[in-house]
C-alpha atoms as a PDB file:
ATOM      1  CA  MET A   1      14.403  -7.716  -9.315  1.00  0.00           C
ATOM      2  CA  THR A   2      17.153  -8.818  -6.919  1.00  0.00           C
ATOM      3  CA  ALA A   3      15.980  -6.445  -4.180  1.00  0.00           C
ATOM      4  CA  LEU A   4      12.370  -7.604  -4.643  1.00  0.00           C
ATOM      5  CA  GLY A   5      13.529 -11.212  -4.333  1.00  0.00           C
ATOM      6  CA  LEU A   6      15.455 -10.425  -1.142  1.00  0.00           C
ATOM      7  CA  LEU A   7      12.375  -8.782   0.375  1.00  0.00           C
ATOM      8  CA  MET A   8      10.230 -11.811  -0.450  1.00  0.00           C
ATOM      9  CA  CYS A   9      12.858 -14.175   0.996  1.00  0.00           C
ATOM     10  CA  THR A  10      12.881 -12.006   4.119  1.00  0.00           C
ATOM     11  CA  SER A  11       9.118 -12.460   4.272  1.00  0.00           C
ATOM     12  CA  LEU A  12       9.430 -16.268   4.388  1.00  0.00           C
ATOM     13  CA  VAL A  13      12.211 -16.183   6.991  1.00  0.00           C
ATOM     14  CA  VAL A  14      10.448 -13.754   9.359  1.00  0.00           C
ATOM     15  CA  LEU A  15       7.056 -15.363   8.803  1.00  0.00           C
ATOM     16  CA  TYR A  16       8.389 -18.716  10.065  1.00  0.00           C
ATOM     17  CA  SER A  17       9.331 -17.056  13.345  1.00  0.00           C
ATOM     18  CA  ALA A  18       6.214 -14.875  13.545  1.00  0.00           C
ATOM     19  CA  SER A  19       3.924 -17.877  13.056  1.00  0.00           C
ATOM     20  CA  GLY A  20       5.710 -19.959  15.697  1.00  0.00           C
ATOM     21  CA  GLY A  21       7.275 -22.331  13.180  1.00  0.00           C
ATOM     22  CA  ASN A  22       4.067 -22.930  11.253  1.00  0.00           C
ATOM     23  CA  TRP A  23       5.202 -24.401   7.926  1.00  0.00           C
ATOM     24  CA  ASN A  24       1.663 -24.222   6.515  1.00  0.00           C
ATOM     25  CA  ARG A  25       1.805 -20.444   6.926  1.00  0.00           C
ATOM     26  CA  VAL A  26       5.170 -20.301   5.169  1.00  0.00           C
ATOM     27  CA  LEU A  27       3.899 -22.593   2.399  1.00  0.00           C
ATOM     28  CA  GLY A  28       0.831 -20.385   1.955  1.00  0.00           C
ATOM     29  CA  GLN A  29       3.029 -17.320   1.573  1.00  0.00           C
ATOM     30  CA  SER A  30       5.235 -19.217  -0.905  1.00  0.00           C
ATOM     31  CA  VAL A  31       2.159 -19.887  -3.024  1.00  0.00           C
ATOM     32  CA  ASN A  32       1.209 -16.189  -2.776  1.00  0.00           C
ATOM     33  CA  ILE A  33       4.678 -15.231  -3.985  1.00  0.00           C
ATOM     34  CA  LEU A  34       4.562 -17.660  -6.925  1.00  0.00           C
ATOM     35  CA  VAL A  35       1.163 -16.371  -8.045  1.00  0.00           C
ATOM     36  CA  ALA A  36       2.389 -12.784  -7.701  1.00  0.00           C
ATOM     37  CA  LEU A  37       5.533 -13.563  -9.717  1.00  0.00           C
ATOM     38  CA  VAL A  38       3.395 -14.973 -12.521  1.00  0.00           C
ATOM     39  CA  ALA A  39       1.341 -11.752 -12.463  1.00  0.00           C
ATOM     40  CA  LEU A  40       4.568  -9.711 -12.521  1.00  0.00           C
ATOM     41  CA  TRP A  41       5.918 -11.682 -15.507  1.00  0.00           C
ATOM     42  CA  ALA A  42       2.656 -11.290 -17.439  1.00  0.00           C
ATOM     43  CA  MET A  43       2.502  -7.543 -16.777  1.00  0.00           C
ATOM     44  CA  ALA A  44       6.204  -7.035 -17.567  1.00  0.00           C
ATOM     45  CA  ASN A  45       5.659  -8.562 -21.005  1.00  0.00           C
ATOM     46  CA  LEU A  46       2.533  -6.538 -21.782  1.00  0.00           C
ATOM     47  CA  PRO A  47       3.217  -3.803 -24.387  1.00  0.00           C
ATOM     48  CA  LEU A  48       2.499  -0.280 -23.216  1.00  0.00           C
ATOM     49  CA  HIS A  49      -0.329   0.385 -25.659  1.00  0.00           C
ATOM     50  CA  TYR A  50      -2.190  -2.630 -24.247  1.00  0.00           C
ATOM     51  CA  LEU A  51      -1.557  -1.310 -20.748  1.00  0.00           C
ATOM     52  CA  MET A  52      -3.186   2.000 -21.689  1.00  0.00           C
ATOM     53  CA  ARG A  53      -6.180   0.204 -23.184  1.00  0.00           C
ATOM     54  CA  THR A  54      -6.886  -1.507 -19.862  1.00  0.00           C
ATOM     55  CA  ALA A  55      -7.199   1.800 -17.954  1.00  0.00           C
ATOM     56  CA  VAL A  56     -10.857   2.662 -18.594  1.00  0.00           C
ATOM     57  CA  PRO A  57     -12.268  -0.913 -18.413  1.00  0.00           C
ATOM     58  CA  MET A  58     -10.336  -1.667 -15.207  1.00  0.00           C
ATOM     59  CA  TYR A  59     -11.494   1.559 -13.572  1.00  0.00           C
ATOM     60  CA  VAL A  60     -15.152   1.093 -14.593  1.00  0.00           C
ATOM     61  CA  ILE A  61     -15.172  -2.546 -13.449  1.00  0.00           C
ATOM     62  CA  GLY A  62     -13.483  -1.591 -10.168  1.00  0.00           C
ATOM     63  CA  VAL A  63     -15.968   1.187  -9.368  1.00  0.00           C
ATOM     64  CA  SER A  64     -18.882  -1.081 -10.328  1.00  0.00           C
ATOM     65  CA  LEU A  65     -17.601  -3.758  -7.947  1.00  0.00           C
ATOM     66  CA  LEU A  66     -17.218  -1.165  -5.163  1.00  0.00           C
ATOM     67  CA  ILE A  67     -20.845  -0.153  -5.697  1.00  0.00           C
ATOM     68  CA  GLY A  68     -21.703  -3.853  -5.579  1.00  0.00           C
ATOM     69  CA  VAL A  69     -19.907  -4.104  -2.223  1.00  0.00           C
ATOM     70  CA  ALA A  70     -21.914  -1.148  -0.891  1.00  0.00           C
ATOM     71  CA  LEU A  71     -25.161  -2.824  -1.952  1.00  0.00           C
ATOM     72  CA  PHE A  72     -24.528  -6.555  -1.558  1.00  0.00           C
ATOM     73  CA  GLY A  73     -21.150  -6.965   0.170  1.00  0.00           C
ATOM     74  CA  GLU A  74     -20.480  -9.353   3.014  1.00  0.00           C
ATOM     75  CA  ILE A  75     -20.193  -7.839   6.490  1.00  0.00           C
ATOM     76  CA  ASN A  76     -17.228  -9.039   8.562  1.00  0.00           C
ATOM     77  CA  ASN A  77     -16.216  -7.478  11.900  1.00  0.00           C
ATOM     78  CA  GLY A  78     -18.489  -4.522  11.249  1.00  0.00           C
ATOM     79  CA  ALA A  79     -16.996  -3.733   7.810  1.00  0.00           C
ATOM     80  CA  ARG A  80     -18.491  -4.386   4.375  1.00  0.00           C
ATOM     81  CA  ARG A  81     -15.423  -4.937   2.157  1.00  0.00           C
ATOM     82  CA  TRP A  82     -15.881  -8.260   0.383  1.00  0.00           C
ATOM     83  CA  LEU A  83     -18.064  -9.299  -2.537  1.00  0.00           C
ATOM     84  CA  ASP A  84     -19.104 -12.866  -3.301  1.00  0.00           C
ATOM     85  CA  ILE A  85     -19.246 -13.289  -7.096  1.00  0.00           C
ATOM     86  CA  GLY A  86     -20.086 -16.977  -7.006  1.00  0.00           C
ATOM     87  CA  ILE A  87     -16.753 -18.573  -7.860  1.00  0.00           C
ATOM     88  CA  ILE A  88     -14.669 -16.600  -5.365  1.00  0.00           C
ATOM     89  CA  THR A  89     -14.996 -13.812  -2.818  1.00  0.00           C
ATOM     90  CA  ILE A  90     -13.010 -10.710  -3.776  1.00  0.00           C
ATOM     91  CA  GLN A  91     -12.014  -7.395  -2.202  1.00  0.00           C
ATOM     92  CA  PRO A  92     -12.577  -4.857  -5.021  1.00  0.00           C
ATOM     93  CA  SER A  93     -10.727  -2.062  -3.217  1.00  0.00           C
ATOM     94  CA  GLU A  94      -7.443  -3.867  -3.976  1.00  0.00           C
ATOM     95  CA  ILE A  95      -8.132  -3.537  -7.720  1.00  0.00           C
ATOM     96  CA  MET A  96      -8.338   0.235  -7.335  1.00  0.00           C
ATOM     97  CA  LYS A  97      -4.747   0.454  -6.074  1.00  0.00           C
ATOM     98  CA  ILE A  98      -3.750  -0.157  -9.697  1.00  0.00           C
ATOM     99  CA  ALA A  99      -6.878   1.055 -11.511  1.00  0.00           C
ATOM    100  CA  VAL A 100      -6.984   4.587 -10.033  1.00  0.00           C
ATOM    101  CA  PRO A 101      -3.450   5.754 -10.948  1.00  0.00           C
ATOM    102  CA  LEU A 102      -3.746   3.930 -14.283  1.00  0.00           C
ATOM    103  CA  MET A 103      -6.981   5.736 -15.133  1.00  0.00           C
ATOM    104  CA  MET A 104      -5.664   9.125 -14.024  1.00  0.00           C
ATOM    105  CA  ALA A 105      -2.422   8.692 -15.984  1.00  0.00           C
ATOM    106  CA  TRP A 106      -4.455   7.708 -19.063  1.00  0.00           C
ATOM    107  CA  TYR A 107      -6.642  10.802 -18.633  1.00  0.00           C
ATOM    108  CA  PHE A 108      -3.677  13.172 -18.348  1.00  0.00           C
ATOM    109  CA  GLU A 109      -1.995  11.511 -21.343  1.00  0.00           C
ATOM    110  CA  LYS A 110      -5.140  12.183 -23.379  1.00  0.00           C
ATOM    111  CA  TYR A 111      -5.062  15.910 -22.555  1.00  0.00           C
ATOM    112  CA  GLU A 112      -1.298  16.368 -22.282  1.00  0.00           C
ATOM    113  CA  ALA A 113      -1.065  18.979 -25.060  1.00  0.00           C
ATOM    114  CA  ARG A 114      -3.839  21.183 -23.627  1.00  0.00           C
ATOM    115  CA  LEU A 115      -3.922  20.675 -19.852  1.00  0.00           C
ATOM    116  CA  ARG A 116      -6.156  23.131 -18.035  1.00  0.00           C
ATOM    117  CA  PHE A 117      -7.143  23.502 -14.392  1.00  0.00           C
ATOM    118  CA  ARG A 118     -10.463  21.794 -15.127  1.00  0.00           C
ATOM    119  CA  ASN A 119      -8.553  18.664 -16.150  1.00  0.00           C
ATOM    120  CA  TYR A 120      -7.082  18.468 -12.648  1.00  0.00           C
ATOM    121  CA  ILE A 121     -10.594  18.826 -11.212  1.00  0.00           C
ATOM    122  CA  VAL A 122     -11.874  15.943 -13.358  1.00  0.00           C
ATOM    123  CA  ALA A 123      -8.879  13.808 -12.356  1.00  0.00           C
ATOM    124  CA  ALA A 124      -9.531  14.620  -8.691  1.00  0.00           C
ATOM    125  CA  LEU A 125     -13.136  13.474  -9.115  1.00  0.00           C
ATOM    126  CA  LEU A 126     -11.899  10.225 -10.679  1.00  0.00           C
ATOM    127  CA  LEU A 127      -9.893   9.762  -7.485  1.00  0.00           C
ATOM    128  CA  LEU A 128     -12.530  10.866  -4.963  1.00  0.00           C
ATOM    129  CA  LEU A 129     -15.239   8.510  -6.248  1.00  0.00           C
ATOM    130  CA  PRO A 130     -13.512   5.210  -5.344  1.00  0.00           C
ATOM    131  CA  VAL A 131     -11.897   6.698  -2.219  1.00  0.00           C
ATOM    132  CA  GLY A 132     -15.343   7.769  -0.960  1.00  0.00           C
ATOM    133  CA  LEU A 133     -16.789   4.307  -1.624  1.00  0.00           C
ATOM    134  CA  ILE A 134     -13.894   2.646   0.224  1.00  0.00           C
ATOM    135  CA  LEU A 135     -14.158   5.011   3.203  1.00  0.00           C
ATOM    136  CA  ARG A 136     -17.828   4.052   3.412  1.00  0.00           C
ATOM    137  CA  GLN A 137     -16.954   0.345   3.919  1.00  0.00           C
ATOM    138  CA  PRO A 138     -15.061   1.512   6.150  1.00  0.00           C
ATOM    139  CA  ASP A 139     -11.429   0.793   5.189  1.00  0.00           C
ATOM    140  CA  LEU A 140      -9.268   3.760   6.138  1.00  0.00           C
ATOM    141  CA  GLY A 141      -5.919   2.105   5.374  1.00  0.00           C
ATOM    142  CA  THR A 142      -6.770   1.169   1.790  1.00  0.00           C
ATOM    143  CA  ALA A 143      -8.451   4.546   1.217  1.00  0.00           C
ATOM    144  CA  ILE A 144      -5.265   6.322   2.334  1.00  0.00           C
ATOM    145  CA  LEU A 145      -3.106   4.265  -0.035  1.00  0.00           C
ATOM    146  CA  ILE A 146      -5.398   4.854  -3.012  1.00  0.00           C
ATOM    147  CA  ALA A 147      -5.730   8.556  -2.213  1.00  0.00           C
ATOM    148  CA  ALA A 148      -1.928   8.766  -2.023  1.00  0.00           C
ATOM    149  CA  SER A 149      -1.449   6.984  -5.361  1.00  0.00           C
ATOM    150  CA  GLY A 150      -3.910   9.370  -7.043  1.00  0.00           C
ATOM    151  CA  PHE A 151      -2.379  12.440  -5.409  1.00  0.00           C
ATOM    152  CA  PHE A 152       1.046  11.391  -6.697  1.00  0.00           C
ATOM    153  CA  VAL A 153      -0.344  11.346 -10.250  1.00  0.00           C
ATOM    154  CA  LEU A 154      -1.768  14.854  -9.747  1.00  0.00           C
ATOM    155  CA  PHE A 155       1.563  16.042  -8.369  1.00  0.00           C
ATOM    156  CA  LEU A 156       3.618  14.490 -11.175  1.00  0.00           C
ATOM    157  CA  ALA A 157       1.172  15.896 -13.744  1.00  0.00           C
ATOM    158  CA  GLY A 158       2.162  19.392 -12.631  1.00  0.00           C
ATOM    159  CA  LEU A 159      -0.473  20.445 -10.094  1.00  0.00           C
ATOM    160  CA  SER A 160       0.473  23.913  -8.869  1.00  0.00           C
ATOM    161  CA  TRP A 161       2.187  24.226  -5.497  1.00  0.00           C
ATOM    162  CA  ARG A 162      -0.183  27.081  -4.688  1.00  0.00           C
ATOM    163  CA  VAL A 163      -3.157  24.799  -5.254  1.00  0.00           C
ATOM    164  CA  MET A 164      -1.634  22.103  -3.043  1.00  0.00           C
ATOM    165  CA  LEU A 165      -0.930  24.662  -0.321  1.00  0.00           C
ATOM    166  CA  ALA A 166      -4.505  25.929  -0.542  1.00  0.00           C
ATOM    167  CA  LEU A 167      -5.793  22.353  -0.256  1.00  0.00           C
ATOM    168  CA  ALA A 168      -3.586  21.758   2.787  1.00  0.00           C
ATOM    169  CA  VAL A 169      -4.910  24.907   4.465  1.00  0.00           C
ATOM    170  CA  ALA A 170      -8.499  23.913   3.633  1.00  0.00           C
ATOM    171  CA  ALA A 171      -7.904  20.421   5.047  1.00  0.00           C
ATOM    172  CA  ALA A 172      -6.488  21.897   8.258  1.00  0.00           C
ATOM    173  CA  ALA A 173      -9.439  24.282   8.590  1.00  0.00           C
ATOM    174  CA  SER A 174     -11.931  21.448   8.095  1.00  0.00           C
ATOM    175  CA  ALA A 175     -10.205  19.157  10.611  1.00  0.00           C
ATOM    176  CA  PRO A 176     -12.922  19.597  13.300  1.00  0.00           C
ATOM    177  CA  PHE A 177     -15.627  18.594  10.797  1.00  0.00           C
ATOM    178  CA  LEU A 178     -13.556  15.668   9.515  1.00  0.00           C
ATOM    179  CA  TRP A 179     -13.002  14.510  13.095  1.00  0.00           C
ATOM    180  CA  HIS A 180     -16.750  14.188  13.712  1.00  0.00           C
ATOM    181  CA  SER A 181     -17.208  12.341  10.421  1.00  0.00           C
ATOM    182  CA  LEU A 182     -14.795   9.587  11.492  1.00  0.00           C
ATOM    183  CA  HIS A 183     -16.055   6.310  12.917  1.00  0.00           C
ATOM    184  CA  ASP A 184     -15.590   5.804  16.664  1.00  0.00           C
ATOM    185  CA  TYR A 185     -12.811   3.250  16.207  1.00  0.00           C
ATOM    186  CA  GLN A 186     -10.947   5.610  13.840  1.00  0.00           C
ATOM    187  CA  ARG A 187     -11.057   8.440  16.399  1.00  0.00           C
ATOM    188  CA  LEU A 188      -9.842   6.035  19.074  1.00  0.00           C
ATOM    189  CA  ARG A 189      -6.861   5.037  16.927  1.00  0.00           C
ATOM    190  CA  ILE A 190      -5.768   8.653  16.658  1.00  0.00           C
ATOM    191  CA  LEU A 191      -6.239   9.210  20.401  1.00  0.00           C
ATOM    192  CA  MET A 192      -4.243   6.055  21.150  1.00  0.00           C
ATOM    193  CA  LEU A 193      -1.377   7.452  19.052  1.00  0.00           C
ATOM    194  CA  LEU A 194      -1.188  10.434  21.413  1.00  0.00           C
ATOM    195  CA  ASP A 195      -1.402   8.323  24.584  1.00  0.00           C
ATOM    196  CA  PRO A 196      -1.833   4.540  24.164  1.00  0.00           C
ATOM    197  CA  SER A 197      -1.703   4.059  27.935  1.00  0.00           C
ATOM    198  CA  GLN A 198      -5.276   5.434  28.107  1.00  0.00           C
ATOM    199  CA  ASP A 199      -6.442   1.940  27.140  1.00  0.00           C
ATOM    200  CA  ALA A 200      -3.347  -0.218  27.535  1.00  0.00           C
ATOM    201  CA  LEU A 201      -5.244  -3.517  27.369  1.00  0.00           C
ATOM    202  CA  GLY A 202      -7.663  -2.405  24.655  1.00  0.00           C
ATOM    203  CA  LYS A 203      -7.233   0.014  21.760  1.00  0.00           C
ATOM    204  CA  GLY A 204      -3.694   0.995  22.800  1.00  0.00           C
ATOM    205  CA  TYR A 205      -2.476  -2.590  23.172  1.00  0.00           C
ATOM    206  CA  HIS A 206      -1.183  -2.979  19.598  1.00  0.00           C
ATOM    207  CA  THR A 207       0.875   0.206  19.731  1.00  0.00           C
ATOM    208  CA  ILE A 208       2.359  -0.490  23.171  1.00  0.00           C
ATOM    209  CA  GLN A 209       3.401  -4.070  22.403  1.00  0.00           C
ATOM    210  CA  ALA A 210       4.802  -3.157  18.980  1.00  0.00           C
ATOM    211  CA  THR A 211       6.943  -0.330  20.353  1.00  0.00           C
ATOM    212  CA  ILE A 212       8.210  -2.596  23.153  1.00  0.00           C
ATOM    213  CA  ALA A 213       9.220  -5.202  20.560  1.00  0.00           C
ATOM    214  CA  VAL A 214      10.967  -2.644  18.338  1.00  0.00           C
ATOM    215  CA  GLY A 215      12.833  -1.049  21.245  1.00  0.00           C
ATOM    216  CA  SER A 216      13.825  -4.308  22.930  1.00  0.00           C
ATOM    217  CA  GLY A 217      15.699  -5.461  19.815  1.00  0.00           C
ATOM    218  CA  GLY A 218      18.529  -3.041  20.571  1.00  0.00           C
ATOM    219  CA  ILE A 219      21.432  -2.759  18.136  1.00  0.00           C
ATOM    220  CA  LEU A 220      21.885  -6.400  17.104  1.00  0.00           C
ATOM    221  CA  GLY A 221      18.528  -7.903  18.083  1.00  0.00           C
ATOM    222  CA  LYS A 222      17.692 -10.870  20.317  1.00  0.00           C
ATOM    223  CA  GLY A 223      18.457 -13.388  17.607  1.00  0.00           C
ATOM    224  CA  TYR A 224      16.356 -15.323  15.119  1.00  0.00           C
ATOM    225  CA  LEU A 225      13.462 -17.194  16.791  1.00  0.00           C
ATOM    226  CA  ASN A 226      14.346 -15.591  20.150  1.00  0.00           C
ATOM    227  CA  GLY A 227      11.926 -12.641  20.200  1.00  0.00           C
ATOM    228  CA  THR A 228      10.099 -12.722  23.533  1.00  0.00           C
ATOM    229  CA  GLN A 229       7.277 -10.365  22.536  1.00  0.00           C
ATOM    230  CA  THR A 230       6.614 -12.624  19.559  1.00  0.00           C
ATOM    231  CA  HIS A 231       6.966 -16.077  21.063  1.00  0.00           C
ATOM    232  CA  LEU A 232       5.237 -15.280  24.349  1.00  0.00           C
ATOM    233  CA  ASP A 233       2.206 -14.083  22.341  1.00  0.00           C
ATOM    234  CA  PHE A 234       2.296 -10.469  23.482  1.00  0.00           C
ATOM    235  CA  LEU A 235       2.541  -9.080  19.936  1.00  0.00           C
ATOM    236  CA  PRO A 236      -0.759  -9.097  17.972  1.00  0.00           C
ATOM    237  CA  GLU A 237      -1.134  -9.506  14.191  1.00  0.00           C
ATOM    238  CA  ARG A 238       2.531 -10.485  14.052  1.00  0.00           C
ATOM    239  CA  SER A 239       2.295 -12.265  10.686  1.00  0.00           C
ATOM    240  CA  THR A 240       0.564  -9.393   8.919  1.00  0.00           C
ATOM    241  CA  ASP A 241       0.461  -5.716   9.923  1.00  0.00           C
ATOM    242  CA  PHE A 242       3.016  -5.971  12.748  1.00  0.00           C
ATOM    243  CA  ILE A 243       5.609  -8.259  11.175  1.00  0.00           C
ATOM    244  CA  PHE A 244       8.094  -5.355  11.203  1.00  0.00           C
ATOM    245  CA  ALA A 245       8.021  -5.494  15.021  1.00  0.00           C
ATOM    246  CA  VAL A 246       8.991  -9.192  14.848  1.00  0.00           C
ATOM    247  CA  PHE A 247      11.869  -8.376  12.498  1.00  0.00           C
ATOM    248  CA  SER A 248      13.032  -5.456  14.672  1.00  0.00           C
ATOM    249  CA  GLU A 249      13.012  -7.485  17.868  1.00  0.00           C
ATOM    250  CA  GLU A 250      15.010 -10.370  16.400  1.00  0.00           C
ATOM    251  CA  PHE A 251      17.435  -8.496  14.125  1.00  0.00           C
ATOM    252  CA  GLY A 252      17.692  -5.128  15.869  1.00  0.00           C
ATOM    253  CA  LEU A 253      18.720  -1.761  14.491  1.00  0.00           C
ATOM    254  CA  LEU A 254      21.362  -3.299  12.218  1.00  0.00           C
ATOM    255  CA  GLY A 255      18.778  -5.573  10.593  1.00  0.00           C
ATOM    256  CA  ASN A 256      16.421  -2.632  10.175  1.00  0.00           C
ATOM    257  CA  ILE A 257      19.123  -0.636   8.395  1.00  0.00           C
ATOM    258  CA  ILE A 258      19.709  -3.518   5.979  1.00  0.00           C
ATOM    259  CA  LEU A 259      15.962  -3.916   5.391  1.00  0.00           C
ATOM    260  CA  LEU A 260      15.608  -0.184   4.786  1.00  0.00           C
ATOM    261  CA  GLY A 261      18.500  -0.486   2.323  1.00  0.00           C
ATOM    262  CA  PHE A 262      16.504  -3.028   0.298  1.00  0.00           C
ATOM    263  CA  TYR A 263      13.488  -0.712   0.241  1.00  0.00           C
ATOM    264  CA  LEU A 264      15.623   2.298  -0.643  1.00  0.00           C
ATOM    265  CA  PHE A 265      17.227   0.441  -3.544  1.00  0.00           C
ATOM    266  CA  VAL A 266      13.803  -0.485  -4.976  1.00  0.00           C
ATOM    267  CA  ILE A 267      12.552   3.107  -4.598  1.00  0.00           C
ATOM    268  CA  VAL A 268      15.662   4.649  -6.189  1.00  0.00           C
ATOM    269  CA  ARG A 269      15.456   2.161  -9.067  1.00  0.00           C
ATOM    270  CA  GLY A 270      11.797   3.098  -9.541  1.00  0.00           C
ATOM    271  CA  PHE A 271      12.699   6.793  -9.731  1.00  0.00           C
ATOM    272  CA  MET A 272      15.387   6.025 -12.307  1.00  0.00           C
ATOM    273  CA  ILE A 273      12.807   4.264 -14.487  1.00  0.00           C
ATOM    274  CA  THR A 274      10.463   7.229 -13.983  1.00  0.00           C
ATOM    275  CA  ALA A 275      13.128   9.729 -15.051  1.00  0.00           C
ATOM    276  CA  ASN A 276      13.932   7.732 -18.210  1.00  0.00           C
ATOM    277  CA  ALA A 277      10.331   6.928 -19.197  1.00  0.00           C
ATOM    278  CA  SER A 278       9.542   7.713 -22.829  1.00  0.00           C
ATOM    279  CA  THR A 279       6.009   9.087 -22.585  1.00  0.00           C
ATOM    280  CA  TYR A 280       3.911  11.274 -20.322  1.00  0.00           C
ATOM    281  CA  PHE A 281       1.704   8.300 -19.428  1.00  0.00           C
ATOM    282  CA  THR A 282       4.604   6.065 -18.421  1.00  0.00           C
ATOM    283  CA  ARG A 283       6.262   8.812 -16.355  1.00  0.00           C
ATOM    284  CA  LEU A 284       3.062   9.339 -14.386  1.00  0.00           C
ATOM    285  CA  MET A 285       2.521   5.608 -13.852  1.00  0.00           C
ATOM    286  CA  ALA A 286       6.115   4.823 -12.912  1.00  0.00           C
ATOM    287  CA  GLY A 287       6.306   7.753 -10.492  1.00  0.00           C
ATOM    288  CA  SER A 288       2.992   6.900  -8.863  1.00  0.00           C
ATOM    289  CA  ILE A 289       3.898   3.206  -8.417  1.00  0.00           C
ATOM    290  CA  THR A 290       7.245   4.099  -6.861  1.00  0.00           C
ATOM    291  CA  LEU A 291       5.864   6.732  -4.495  1.00  0.00           C
ATOM    292  CA  THR A 292       2.959   4.472  -3.477  1.00  0.00           C
ATOM    293  CA  PHE A 293       5.438   1.709  -2.615  1.00  0.00           C
ATOM    294  CA  PHE A 294       7.301   4.234  -0.436  1.00  0.00           C
ATOM    295  CA  THR A 295       3.995   5.182   1.231  1.00  0.00           C
ATOM    296  CA  TYR A 296       3.244   1.505   2.006  1.00  0.00           C
ATOM    297  CA  ALA A 297       6.594   1.069   3.737  1.00  0.00           C
ATOM    298  CA  PHE A 298       6.557   4.431   5.535  1.00  0.00           C
ATOM    299  CA  VAL A 299       3.019   4.062   6.893  1.00  0.00           C
ATOM    300  CA  ASN A 300       3.570   0.494   8.124  1.00  0.00           C
ATOM    301  CA  MET A 301       6.894   1.249   9.807  1.00  0.00           C
ATOM    302  CA  GLY A 302       5.502   4.456  11.291  1.00  0.00           C
ATOM    303  CA  MET A 303       2.443   2.602  12.569  1.00  0.00           C
ATOM    304  CA  VAL A 304       4.551  -0.132  14.206  1.00  0.00           C
ATOM    305  CA  SER A 305       6.989   2.411  15.676  1.00  0.00           C
ATOM    306  CA  GLY A 306       4.171   4.429  17.244  1.00  0.00           C
ATOM    307  CA  ILE A 307       4.549   7.624  15.211  1.00  0.00           C
ATOM    308  CA  LEU A 308       1.431   7.035  13.065  1.00  0.00           C
ATOM    309  CA  PRO A 309      -2.039   5.683  13.922  1.00  0.00           C
ATOM    310  CA  VAL A 310      -2.787   1.995  13.395  1.00  0.00           C
ATOM    311  CA  VAL A 311      -4.490   1.858   9.989  1.00  0.00           C
ATOM    312  CA  GLY A 312      -4.013  -1.736   8.853  1.00  0.00           C
ATOM    313  CA  VAL A 313      -1.380  -1.256   6.140  1.00  0.00           C
ATOM    314  CA  PRO A 314       0.897  -4.298   5.565  1.00  0.00           C
ATOM    315  CA  LEU A 315       4.677  -4.103   5.236  1.00  0.00           C
ATOM    316  CA  PRO A 316       5.131  -4.376   1.443  1.00  0.00           C
ATOM    317  CA  LEU A 317       6.384  -7.746   0.181  1.00  0.00           C
ATOM    318  CA  VAL A 318       7.056  -8.945   3.747  1.00  0.00           C
ATOM    319  CA  SER A 319       3.678  -9.180   5.534  1.00  0.00           C
ATOM    320  CA  TYR A 320       1.620 -12.324   4.976  1.00  0.00           C
ATOM    321  CA  GLY A 321      -1.098 -11.907   2.371  1.00  0.00           C
ATOM    322  CA  GLY A 322      -1.803 -12.789  -1.230  1.00  0.00           C
ATOM    323  CA  THR A 323      -3.852  -9.803  -2.377  1.00  0.00           C
ATOM    324  CA  SER A 324      -1.322  -7.133  -1.424  1.00  0.00           C
ATOM    325  CA  MET A 325       1.549  -9.250  -2.789  1.00  0.00           C
ATOM    326  CA  VAL A 326      -0.140  -9.640  -6.188  1.00  0.00           C
ATOM    327  CA  THR A 327      -1.123  -5.958  -6.329  1.00  0.00           C
ATOM    328  CA  LEU A 328       2.411  -4.789  -5.547  1.00  0.00           C
ATOM    329  CA  LEU A 329       4.066  -7.107  -8.047  1.00  0.00           C
ATOM    330  CA  LEU A 330       1.558  -6.099 -10.721  1.00  0.00           C
ATOM    331  CA  GLY A 331       2.771  -2.549 -10.138  1.00  0.00           C
ATOM    332  CA  PHE A 332       6.400  -3.606 -10.418  1.00  0.00           C
ATOM    333  CA  GLY A 333       5.517  -5.555 -13.555  1.00  0.00           C
ATOM    334  CA  MET A 334       4.269  -2.274 -15.006  1.00  0.00           C
ATOM    335  CA  LEU A 335       7.582  -0.635 -14.059  1.00  0.00           C
ATOM    336  CA  MET A 336       9.470  -3.420 -15.828  1.00  0.00           C
ATOM    337  CA  SER A 337       7.251  -3.077 -18.888  1.00  0.00           C
ATOM    338  CA  ILE A 338       7.882   0.677 -18.947  1.00  0.00           C
ATOM    339  CA  HIS A 339      11.640   0.071 -18.765  1.00  0.00           C
ATOM    340  CA  THR A 340      11.703  -2.847 -21.230  1.00  0.00           C
ATOM    341  CA  HIS A 341       9.568  -1.210 -23.912  1.00  0.00           C
ATOM    342  CA  LYS A 342      11.191   2.212 -23.602  1.00  0.00           C
ATOM    343  CA  LYS A 343      13.349   1.859 -26.705  1.00  0.00           C
ATOM    344  CA  LEU A 344      10.496   0.438 -28.748  1.00  0.00           C
ATOM    345  CA  VAL A 345       8.348   3.476 -27.926  1.00  0.00           C
ATOM    346  CA  GLN A 346      11.180   5.881 -28.778  1.00  0.00           C
ATOM    347  CA  THR A 347      11.688   4.372 -32.222  1.00  0.00           C
END
């Protein structure tokens, strides 16, 4: 919990600089954190058998809402990702970040004593359905995260290495077909990764400015509130997807090492809870949550550093945003519940 708190405090500190001293932005993030902490507390105190009971309803509701988005969703910037349900407007794909691994872990728990290859096929279909609906929106970043969380459940459930190798070979062989199925902007993002200077003032702008900010921080950084890329408005999306570039420019390599230390501590702690989990279900859930958190951090930092395409994945617990903050802390609440109720399950 200490490392999570330090990451959220880091969010408020860096966000003040990234927003140009906008206290309303910092206050908004503070509210997001408080709401997320309430969600974490509620989930941490939920007994495991209640957690399992929520798997099927949450998955069915989530898929139904995704279908609702496909049929009636609001279009914003060419993407149909939001659904107006009268009281509020929601993004159902965020629900699936928890619902998909929860449903798959519940399914494998149900068939633990007699797992067959067909069970892995059914679990894969449970994963592919929401991922396909989210790709259709289109929302590549969220689809990647959900696909990763589901794959981690398959891996932890004992999917054969030979099967995974065969899937990797099949994916490589189908790359030309997958390339043509991508949207134009998605293909451009991949091309910009190879050479962002092709469109330095357009599609490659984000990557170029982010890498300049990261590199210009040097060893010790330029100092808090002194980042030129940030405060001269060269760096885009600096409060959300590219906040790591702000941090890197102002705190340098040393600050990055400390930040990575916080993330590493959380990940190692998550693996410890996974290793000591009492049931098959809790091992799958804890492992998936931990590995998905790692994927969040790796993809964002790789995107900002120019080694991965820009896919719109926030830096976990640091980027501005309420939905991702609540989703992540719900996951950590599950980890805490798994750890807290371990002895009760064993007895």
